[in-house]
Protein backbone atom coordinates (compact mmCIF):
# COMPACT_ATOMS: atom_id res chain seq x y z
CA MET A 1 0.00 0.00 0.00
CA GLY A 2 1.28 3.48 -0.87
CA ARG A 3 1.63 6.55 1.26
CA VAL A 4 -1.50 8.02 2.86
CA TRP A 5 -1.89 11.71 3.69
CA GLN A 6 -4.13 12.98 6.47
CA VAL A 7 -7.00 15.06 5.05
CA ILE A 8 -8.11 18.06 7.11
CA PHE A 9 -10.75 20.71 6.42
CA ALA A 10 -10.45 24.42 7.08
CA PRO A 11 -13.37 25.87 9.05
CA ARG A 12 -14.28 27.88 5.97
CA ALA A 13 -14.40 24.70 3.85
CA ALA A 14 -16.77 23.14 6.38
CA ARG A 15 -19.01 26.23 6.14
CA ASP A 16 -18.88 26.07 2.34
CA LEU A 17 -20.05 22.47 2.46
CA GLU A 18 -22.91 23.28 4.84
CA LEU A 19 -24.05 26.14 2.60
CA ALA A 20 -23.89 24.00 -0.54
CA VAL A 21 -25.89 21.20 1.05
CA GLY A 22 -28.44 23.71 2.38
CA TYR A 23 -28.85 25.22 -1.07
CA VAL A 24 -29.38 21.82 -2.70
CA ALA A 25 -31.84 20.83 0.05
CA ARG A 26 -33.95 23.94 -0.58
CA HIS A 27 -34.03 23.34 -4.33
CA ALA A 28 -33.96 19.55 -4.71
CA GLY A 29 -34.83 18.04 -1.33
CA ALA A 30 -33.02 16.76 1.73
CA GLU A 31 -32.22 13.29 0.41
CA ILE A 32 -30.52 14.59 -2.73
CA ALA A 33 -28.68 17.22 -0.70
CA GLU A 34 -27.37 14.61 1.73
CA ARG A 35 -26.09 12.42 -1.13
CA PHE A 36 -24.50 15.44 -2.79
CA GLY A 37 -22.74 16.50 0.44
CA LEU A 38 -21.48 12.98 1.10
CA ARG A 39 -20.15 12.73 -2.45
CA LEU A 40 -18.25 16.02 -2.06
CA LEU A 41 -16.76 14.74 1.19
CA GLU A 42 -15.83 11.40 -0.36
CA LYS A 43 -14.15 13.17 -3.26
CA ALA A 44 -12.15 15.37 -0.86
CA LEU A 45 -11.19 12.42 1.36
CA SER A 46 -10.03 10.49 -1.71
CA LEU A 47 -7.11 12.93 -1.87
CA ALA A 48 -5.51 10.96 0.98
CA SER A 49 -4.16 8.43 -1.49
CA PHE A 50 -3.01 10.60 -4.40
CA PRO A 51 -3.21 14.36 -3.71
CA GLU A 52 -1.02 15.38 -6.64
CA ARG A 53 -3.72 14.34 -9.11
CA GLY A 54 -5.44 17.72 -8.88
CA ARG A 55 -4.40 20.53 -11.17
CA ILE A 56 -2.83 23.78 -9.98
CA VAL A 57 -5.60 26.38 -9.53
CA PRO A 58 -5.05 28.71 -12.51
CA GLU A 59 -6.15 31.86 -10.67
CA LEU A 60 -4.05 31.16 -7.57
CA GLY A 61 -1.02 29.18 -8.66
CA PRO A 62 1.05 26.93 -6.38
CA PRO A 63 0.58 25.64 -3.74
CA PHE A 64 -3.16 25.51 -4.42
CA ARG A 65 -4.62 22.56 -6.32
CA GLU A 66 -8.17 21.56 -7.16
CA ILE A 67 -10.30 18.64 -8.16
CA ILE A 68 -13.77 19.08 -9.60
CA HIS A 69 -17.06 17.49 -8.58
CA ARG A 70 -19.99 18.58 -10.72
CA SER A 71 -20.01 22.40 -10.43
CA TYR A 72 -17.78 22.50 -7.36
CA ARG A 73 -14.07 23.10 -7.16
CA ILE A 74 -12.47 21.38 -4.17
CA VAL A 75 -9.50 23.64 -3.47
CA TYR A 76 -6.64 22.29 -1.37
CA ARG A 77 -2.91 22.31 -0.76
CA VAL A 78 -0.54 19.47 0.03
CA SER A 79 2.06 19.55 2.80
CA GLU A 80 4.54 16.89 3.85
CA THR A 81 2.02 14.95 5.93
CA ARG A 82 -1.45 16.21 5.07
CA VAL A 83 -3.90 17.52 2.52
CA GLU A 84 -5.52 20.77 3.63
CA VAL A 85 -8.94 21.32 2.03
CA VAL A 86 -9.36 25.07 1.90
CA ARG A 87 -12.66 25.63 0.06
CA PHE A 88 -15.60 23.94 -1.63
CA TRP A 89 -16.18 26.61 -4.27
CA HIS A 90 -19.00 26.75 -6.84
CA ALA A 91 -17.47 27.38 -10.26
CA ALA A 92 -20.09 30.02 -11.12
CA ARG A 93 -18.61 32.23 -8.39
CA GLY A 94 -15.41 32.81 -10.35
CA ALA A 95 -11.97 32.64 -8.76
CA PRO A 96 -11.82 30.99 -5.32
CA GLN A 97 -11.21 33.38 -2.44
CA ILE A 98 -8.53 32.10 -0.09
CA ASP A 99 -7.38 33.53 3.24
CA SER A 100 -3.67 33.09 3.89
CA ASP A 101 -4.26 31.84 7.45
CA GLU A 102 -6.99 29.26 6.79
CA PHE A 103 -5.19 26.70 8.96
CA ARG A 104 -4.58 27.75 12.50
CA GLU A 105 -4.04 24.61 14.54
CA SER A 106 -6.99 25.32 16.84
CA GLY A 107 -9.46 25.74 13.98
CA THR A 108 -9.00 22.71 11.79
CA GLU A 109 -11.27 19.72 11.48
CA GLU A 110 -9.51 16.39 10.98
CA ARG A 111 -10.91 13.37 9.15
């Protein structure tokens, strides 16, 4: 088995996910929203096995990478031991907005 990175989520990414699921729930129903949210999480957690597969975010450059799920850009960066998911960003919103201090040790959620 190959190397496995720890995947963590910035507080802002967690809020993004909650907002996305809430939006889908209002427009398509709770069951569809739950499946959509779980699929986004699964896609993000899949980065644990091969984080370099995502492309460099064109608007941001290194170290930010992204993978796409439907209309959402899962924006992250890779460190020596972990994958830091920074945002779940809807593509219609344009360039992802990133704060430079997204990961303060006290505010991260680990998975």
